[in-house]
Amino acid sequence: MGKKVLIVDDEPGVVKMVRFLLEKNSFGVVSATEGEEGVKLAAQEKPDLILMDIMMPSIDGNEATRRLKDNEITRNIPIIMLSALGQEGDVAKSLELGAIDYIVKPFHPQELLERVKKILG
């Protein structure tokens, strides 16, 4: 099994599609359906990369990102935001909080895969 990716997204269809894509390309995948769970799972699993949706129940992706970056255990895990919010301000806020990339939904699976591979080498 290759590098591990944590998907944090409340849309089952997105999780399923991204999981299939990543597993087909030899990545290990763990997933959470909301921010709070994603933060806990990241600390337990210590993934090599996190794909984080922004709009989710309980805490949103930006708050989850802030918590991950505040935690010594998860601070250095790269985060790519996945969001239907494509406004410049939305992107800037996520990057300010520590995300290293931002992909606007709907995205092309190949584009996501290329960015994941680029970050994980």
Protein backbone atom coordinates (compact mmCIF):
# COMPACT_ATOMS: atom_id res chain seq x y z
CA MET A 1 0.00 0.00 0.00
CA GLY A 2 1.31 3.41 -0.95
CA LYS A 3 0.78 6.74 0.73
CA LYS A 4 -2.38 7.29 2.76
CA VAL A 5 -4.99 9.93 1.93
CA LEU A 6 -7.79 11.05 4.26
CA ILE A 7 -10.96 12.25 2.51
CA VAL A 8 -13.21 14.47 4.64
CA ASP A 9 -16.46 15.09 2.76
CA ASP A 10 -20.15 14.76 3.61
CA GLU A 11 -21.15 13.79 0.04
CA PRO A 12 -21.05 9.97 -0.26
CA GLY A 13 -20.78 10.19 -4.05
CA VAL A 14 -17.66 12.34 -3.87
CA VAL A 15 -16.04 10.07 -1.26
CA LYS A 16 -16.83 6.97 -3.33
CA MET A 17 -15.46 8.45 -6.56
CA VAL A 18 -12.28 9.83 -4.97
CA ARG A 19 -11.69 6.60 -3.01
CA PHE A 20 -12.01 4.54 -6.21
CA LEU A 21 -9.67 6.86 -8.11
CA LEU A 22 -7.00 6.88 -5.39
CA GLU A 23 -7.14 3.17 -4.59
CA LYS A 24 -6.86 2.36 -8.30
CA ASN A 25 -3.62 4.37 -8.21
CA SER A 26 -2.22 2.51 -5.17
CA PHE A 27 -3.04 5.07 -2.49
CA GLY A 28 -4.45 3.96 0.85
CA VAL A 29 -7.69 5.75 1.70
CA VAL A 30 -9.52 6.55 4.93
CA SER A 31 -12.57 8.78 5.05
CA ALA A 32 -14.73 10.85 7.37
CA THR A 33 -18.11 12.41 6.64
CA GLU A 34 -17.72 15.52 8.77
CA GLY A 35 -15.07 17.88 10.10
CA GLU A 36 -14.97 16.80 13.74
CA GLU A 37 -14.53 13.15 12.76
CA GLY A 38 -11.92 14.15 10.16
CA VAL A 39 -9.80 15.96 12.75
CA LYS A 40 -9.89 12.89 15.07
CA LEU A 41 -9.14 10.47 12.25
CA ALA A 42 -6.20 12.55 11.04
CA ALA A 43 -4.58 12.38 14.48
CA GLN A 44 -5.15 8.60 14.69
CA GLU A 45 -4.24 7.62 11.12
CA LYS A 46 -1.61 10.28 10.37
CA PRO A 47 -2.33 10.34 6.62
CA ASP A 48 0.19 11.70 4.10
CA LEU A 49 -2.44 14.06 2.66
CA ILE A 50 -5.94 15.30 3.51
CA LEU A 51 -8.65 16.19 0.98
CA MET A 52 -11.02 18.50 2.87
CA ASP A 53 -14.49 19.64 1.84
CA ILE A 54 -15.45 23.07 3.17
CA MET A 55 -19.22 22.93 3.60
CA MET A 56 -20.02 20.17 6.11
CA PRO A 57 -22.21 19.63 9.17
CA SER A 58 -20.81 20.24 12.68
CA ILE A 59 -17.54 22.07 11.93
CA ASP A 60 -16.73 23.17 8.39
CA GLY A 61 -13.54 22.38 6.49
CA ASN A 62 -11.91 25.70 7.32
CA GLU A 63 -12.40 25.16 11.06
CA ALA A 64 -11.21 21.55 10.74
CA THR A 65 -8.11 22.80 8.87
CA ARG A 66 -7.43 25.38 11.59
CA ARG A 67 -7.64 22.66 14.27
CA LEU A 68 -5.37 20.32 12.29
CA LYS A 69 -2.76 23.06 11.87
CA ASP A 70 -2.95 23.88 15.62
CA ASN A 71 -2.22 20.25 16.57
CA GLU A 72 1.42 19.18 16.70
CA ILE A 73 0.52 15.66 15.48
CA THR A 74 -1.32 16.83 12.34
CA ARG A 75 0.30 20.23 11.72
CA ASN A 76 2.55 19.09 8.85
CA ILE A 77 0.00 17.06 6.90
CA PRO A 78 -0.69 18.82 3.57
CA ILE A 79 -4.36 19.70 2.99
CA ILE A 80 -6.12 20.20 -0.33
CA MET A 81 -9.51 21.89 -0.02
CA LEU A 82 -12.35 20.60 -2.19
CA SER A 83 -15.24 23.01 -2.44
CA ALA A 84 -18.12 24.29 -4.48
CA LEU A 85 -17.14 27.72 -3.12
CA GLY A 86 -14.86 29.05 -5.83
CA GLN A 87 -14.76 32.74 -4.95
CA GLU A 88 -11.35 34.30 -4.54
CA GLY A 89 -12.09 35.14 -0.89
CA ASP A 90 -13.01 31.53 -0.12
CA VAL A 91 -9.79 30.28 -1.68
CA ALA A 92 -7.69 32.91 0.11
CA LYS A 93 -9.24 32.06 3.50
CA SER A 94 -8.48 28.36 3.15
CA LEU A 95 -4.92 29.00 2.02
CA GLU A 96 -4.42 31.42 4.92
CA LEU A 97 -5.53 28.70 7.34
CA GLY A 98 -2.84 26.39 5.99
CA ALA A 99 -4.29 24.50 3.02
CA ILE A 100 -1.72 24.08 0.26
CA ASP A 101 -4.14 23.76 -2.65
CA TYR A 102 -7.77 24.36 -3.51
CA ILE A 103 -9.87 22.45 -6.05
CA VAL A 104 -13.29 23.76 -7.02
CA LYS A 105 -16.14 21.24 -7.34
CA PRO A 106 -17.14 19.80 -9.68
CA PHE A 107 -13.59 18.80 -10.58
CA HIS A 108 -12.14 16.45 -13.16
CA PRO A 109 -10.91 13.25 -11.45
CA GLN A 110 -7.67 13.30 -13.45
CA GLU A 111 -6.90 16.84 -12.25
CA LEU A 112 -7.36 15.77 -8.62
CA LEU A 113 -5.14 12.72 -9.16
CA GLU A 114 -2.38 14.83 -10.74
CA ARG A 115 -2.38 17.28 -7.83
CA VAL A 116 -2.32 14.46 -5.26
CA LYS A 117 0.59 12.79 -7.07
CA LYS A 118 2.45 16.10 -7.31
CA ILE A 119 2.17 16.69 -3.56
CA LEU A 120 2.96 13.12 -2.55
CA GLY A 121 5.72 12.66 -5.12
